Amino acid sequence: MSQPLPDRLSNDPRSPYHDAELLERGIGIRFNGVERTNVEEYCVSEGWIRVQAGKALDRRGFPMTVKIKGTVEPFLRGE
């Protein structure tokens, strides 16, 4: 791997932490030792992930998220 994974990454294109090229390569997240597939955003240094809160939407029509704290380990899929 030529560069380390970012400390913080988001799926939301409106976020300043969004990186489309890296997301296309495929990022996996291990949270507290379990691989999660529903992560919307993560931060390694602060130790949290954001996941969707069911089917609830905010007033702008975007999914509501919940922040969960724990150990976050990002990795590239296929490596």
N, C-alpha and C. Protein backbone atom coordinates (compact mmCIF):
# COMPACT_ATOMS: atom_id res chain seq x y z
N MET A 1 0.85 -1.17 0.00
CA MET A 1 0.00 0.00 0.00
C MET A 1 0.89 1.23 0.00
N SER A 2 0.71 2.13 -0.96
CA SER A 2 1.58 3.29 -1.13
C SER A 2 1.32 4.39 -0.11
N GLN A 3 0.08 4.57 0.31
CA GLN A 3 -0.23 5.61 1.29
C GLN A 3 -1.10 5.02 2.40
N PRO A 4 -0.98 5.52 3.62
CA PRO A 4 -1.81 5.01 4.70
C PRO A 4 -3.26 5.47 4.52
N LEU A 5 -4.18 4.73 5.10
CA LEU A 5 -5.59 5.11 5.03
C LEU A 5 -5.82 6.36 5.88
N PRO A 6 -6.77 7.20 5.49
CA PRO A 6 -7.02 8.43 6.23
C PRO A 6 -7.58 8.15 7.62
N ASP A 7 -7.35 9.09 8.53
CA ASP A 7 -7.86 8.98 9.90
C ASP A 7 -9.38 9.06 9.91
N ARG A 8 -9.93 9.82 8.99
CA ARG A 8 -11.38 10.01 8.94
C ARG A 8 -11.84 9.95 7.49
N LEU A 9 -12.96 9.26 7.25
CA LEU A 9 -13.48 9.09 5.89
C LEU A 9 -15.00 9.02 5.95
N SER A 10 -15.66 9.63 4.96
CA SER A 10 -17.12 9.66 4.91
C SER A 10 -17.63 9.21 3.55
N ASN A 11 -18.80 8.57 3.51
CA ASN A 11 -19.47 8.19 2.27
C ASN A 11 -20.21 9.36 1.65
N ASP A 12 -20.53 10.37 2.44
CA ASP A 12 -21.35 11.50 2.01
C ASP A 12 -20.53 12.46 1.14
N PRO A 13 -20.91 12.67 -0.13
CA PRO A 13 -20.14 13.56 -1.01
C PRO A 13 -20.14 15.02 -0.54
N ARG A 14 -21.05 15.41 0.32
CA ARG A 14 -21.08 16.79 0.84
C ARG A 14 -20.05 17.01 1.94
N SER A 15 -19.49 15.95 2.47
CA SER A 15 -18.54 16.03 3.59
C SER A 15 -17.15 16.42 3.12
N PRO A 16 -16.41 17.20 3.92
CA PRO A 16 -15.02 17.49 3.57
C PRO A 16 -14.11 16.27 3.71
N TYR A 17 -14.59 15.20 4.34
CA TYR A 17 -13.80 13.98 4.53
C TYR A 17 -14.12 12.92 3.49
N HIS A 18 -14.82 13.29 2.43
CA HIS A 18 -15.18 12.35 1.36
C HIS A 18 -14.01 12.21 0.39
N ASP A 19 -13.68 10.97 0.02
CA ASP A 19 -12.62 10.70 -0.96
C ASP A 19 -13.14 9.62 -1.92
N ALA A 20 -13.67 10.05 -3.07
CA ALA A 20 -14.33 9.14 -4.01
C ALA A 20 -13.37 8.08 -4.54
N GLU A 21 -12.14 8.46 -4.85
CA GLU A 21 -11.18 7.49 -5.40
C GLU A 21 -10.90 6.36 -4.42
N LEU A 22 -10.71 6.71 -3.17
CA LEU A 22 -10.42 5.71 -2.15
C LEU A 22 -11.64 4.81 -1.91
N LEU A 23 -12.83 5.38 -1.91
CA LEU A 23 -14.05 4.59 -1.70
C LEU A 23 -14.28 3.62 -2.86
N GLU A 24 -13.91 4.01 -4.08
CA GLU A 24 -14.05 3.11 -5.22
C GLU A 24 -13.12 1.90 -5.12
N ARG A 25 -11.95 2.10 -4.52
CA ARG A 25 -11.00 0.99 -4.33
C ARG A 25 -11.55 -0.05 -3.37
N GLY A 26 -12.40 0.39 -2.44
CA GLY A 26 -13.01 -0.54 -1.49
C GLY A 26 -12.38 -0.48 -0.12
N ILE A 27 -13.07 0.11 0.82
CA ILE A 27 -12.60 0.23 2.20
C ILE A 27 -13.45 -0.67 3.08
N GLY A 28 -12.83 -1.43 3.94
CA GLY A 28 -13.53 -2.24 4.92
C GLY A 28 -13.26 -1.67 6.30
N ILE A 29 -14.19 -1.88 7.22
CA ILE A 29 -14.05 -1.38 8.59
C ILE A 29 -14.25 -2.54 9.56
N ARG A 30 -13.28 -2.73 10.44
CA ARG A 30 -13.40 -3.66 11.55
C ARG A 30 -13.68 -2.81 12.78
N PHE A 31 -14.84 -3.02 13.40
CA PHE A 31 -15.24 -2.25 14.58
C PHE A 31 -15.35 -3.20 15.76
N ASN A 32 -14.50 -2.99 16.77
CA ASN A 32 -14.43 -3.88 17.94
C ASN A 32 -14.22 -5.33 17.51
N GLY A 33 -13.40 -5.54 16.47
CA GLY A 33 -13.06 -6.87 16.03
C GLY A 33 -14.03 -7.52 15.07
N VAL A 34 -15.15 -6.85 14.73
CA VAL A 34 -16.16 -7.40 13.84
C VAL A 34 -16.23 -6.54 12.59
N GLU A 35 -16.22 -7.18 11.41
CA GLU A 35 -16.29 -6.42 10.16
C GLU A 35 -17.71 -5.86 9.98
N ARG A 36 -17.79 -4.55 9.73
CA ARG A 36 -19.08 -3.88 9.54
C ARG A 36 -19.20 -3.45 8.09
N THR A 37 -20.40 -3.59 7.52
CA THR A 37 -20.63 -3.20 6.13
C THR A 37 -21.54 -2.00 6.00
N ASN A 38 -22.09 -1.51 7.10
CA ASN A 38 -23.05 -0.41 7.04
C ASN A 38 -22.50 0.91 7.60
N VAL A 39 -21.21 1.11 7.54
CA VAL A 39 -20.58 2.30 8.10
C VAL A 39 -20.70 3.47 7.13
N GLU A 40 -21.21 4.60 7.58
CA GLU A 40 -21.34 5.80 6.77
C GLU A 40 -20.10 6.69 6.89
N GLU A 41 -19.50 6.73 8.08
CA GLU A 41 -18.33 7.56 8.34
C GLU A 41 -17.56 6.95 9.50
N TYR A 42 -16.24 7.16 9.53
CA TYR A 42 -15.45 6.66 10.65
C TYR A 42 -14.37 7.65 11.02
N CYS A 43 -13.87 7.56 12.25
CA CYS A 43 -12.73 8.33 12.71
C CYS A 43 -11.91 7.42 13.62
N VAL A 44 -10.67 7.13 13.21
CA VAL A 44 -9.81 6.21 13.96
C VAL A 44 -9.31 6.87 15.25
N SER A 45 -8.82 8.12 15.16
CA SER A 45 -8.21 8.77 16.32
C SER A 45 -9.22 9.02 17.45
N GLU A 46 -10.47 9.32 17.11
CA GLU A 46 -11.49 9.55 18.13
C GLU A 46 -12.23 8.27 18.49
N GLY A 47 -12.08 7.21 17.69
CA GLY A 47 -12.66 5.91 18.00
C GLY A 47 -14.17 5.83 17.87
N TRP A 48 -14.71 6.21 16.72
CA TRP A 48 -16.15 6.10 16.50
C TRP A 48 -16.47 5.83 15.03
N ILE A 49 -17.69 5.30 14.82
CA ILE A 49 -18.24 5.13 13.48
C ILE A 49 -19.66 5.70 13.50
N ARG A 50 -20.14 6.05 12.31
CA ARG A 50 -21.54 6.47 12.15
C ARG A 50 -22.24 5.44 11.28
N VAL A 51 -23.40 4.97 11.74
CA VAL A 51 -24.21 4.02 10.99
C VAL A 51 -25.63 4.56 10.88
N GLN A 52 -26.37 4.09 9.88
CA GLN A 52 -27.75 4.52 9.71
C GLN A 52 -28.61 4.05 10.87
N ALA A 53 -29.56 4.91 11.25
CA ALA A 53 -30.50 4.59 12.33
C ALA A 53 -31.80 4.09 11.71
N GLY A 54 -31.81 2.85 11.29
CA GLY A 54 -33.01 2.27 10.68
C GLY A 54 -33.35 2.94 9.36
N LYS A 55 -34.63 3.20 9.15
CA LYS A 55 -35.08 3.83 7.91
C LYS A 55 -35.43 5.30 8.12
N ALA A 56 -35.09 5.85 9.28
CA ALA A 56 -35.43 7.23 9.60
C ALA A 56 -34.67 8.20 8.70
N LEU A 57 -35.36 9.27 8.30
CA LEU A 57 -34.76 10.31 7.47
C LEU A 57 -34.85 11.65 8.20
N ASP A 58 -33.88 12.53 7.94
CA ASP A 58 -33.96 13.86 8.52
C ASP A 58 -34.87 14.73 7.66
N ARG A 59 -35.01 16.00 7.99
CA ARG A 59 -35.96 16.86 7.28
C ARG A 59 -35.53 17.17 5.85
N ARG A 60 -34.29 16.90 5.52
CA ARG A 60 -33.80 17.11 4.15
C ARG A 60 -33.86 15.82 3.31
N GLY A 61 -34.30 14.72 3.92
CA GLY A 61 -34.44 13.46 3.20
C GLY A 61 -33.21 12.56 3.24
N PHE A 62 -32.22 12.93 4.05
CA PHE A 62 -31.02 12.11 4.19
C PHE A 62 -31.18 11.17 5.38
N PRO A 63 -30.54 9.99 5.34
CA PRO A 63 -30.68 9.04 6.45
C PRO A 63 -30.11 9.60 7.76
N MET A 64 -30.80 9.33 8.85
CA MET A 64 -30.33 9.71 10.17
C MET A 64 -29.24 8.71 10.57
N THR A 65 -28.23 9.19 11.28
CA THR A 65 -27.13 8.33 11.69
C THR A 65 -26.93 8.37 13.20
N VAL A 66 -26.29 7.33 13.70
CA VAL A 66 -25.98 7.20 15.11
C VAL A 66 -24.47 7.01 15.23
N LYS A 67 -23.85 7.70 16.19
CA LYS A 67 -22.42 7.55 16.42
C LYS A 67 -22.20 6.48 17.49
N ILE A 68 -21.34 5.50 17.18
CA ILE A 68 -21.02 4.42 18.10
C ILE A 68 -19.52 4.47 18.39
N LYS A 69 -19.14 4.41 19.67
CA LYS A 69 -17.74 4.48 20.05
C LYS A 69 -17.15 3.09 20.26
N GLY A 70 -15.88 2.95 19.86
CA GLY A 70 -15.18 1.68 20.01
C GLY A 70 -13.87 1.71 19.25
N THR A 71 -13.29 0.54 19.02
CA THR A 71 -12.03 0.42 18.30
C THR A 71 -12.30 0.31 16.81
N VAL A 72 -11.71 1.22 16.02
CA VAL A 72 -11.94 1.28 14.57
C VAL A 72 -10.65 0.89 13.84
N GLU A 73 -10.76 -0.08 12.92
CA GLU A 73 -9.61 -0.53 12.12
C GLU A 73 -10.01 -0.55 10.64
N PRO A 74 -9.63 0.48 9.87
CA PRO A 74 -9.94 0.46 8.43
C PRO A 74 -8.92 -0.40 7.68
N PHE A 75 -9.35 -0.99 6.57
CA PHE A 75 -8.46 -1.77 5.73
C PHE A 75 -8.97 -1.72 4.29
N LEU A 76 -8.06 -1.95 3.34
CA LEU A 76 -8.44 -2.02 1.94
C LEU A 76 -8.92 -3.43 1.64
N ARG A 77 -10.05 -3.53 0.98
CA ARG A 77 -10.57 -4.85 0.62
C ARG A 77 -9.72 -5.45 -0.49
N GLY A 78 -9.52 -6.74 -0.43
CA GLY A 78 -8.73 -7.42 -1.46
C GLY A 78 -7.25 -7.42 -1.19
N GLU A 79 -6.81 -6.88 -0.05
CA GLU A 79 -5.37 -6.91 0.27
C GLU A 79 -5.15 -7.72 1.52
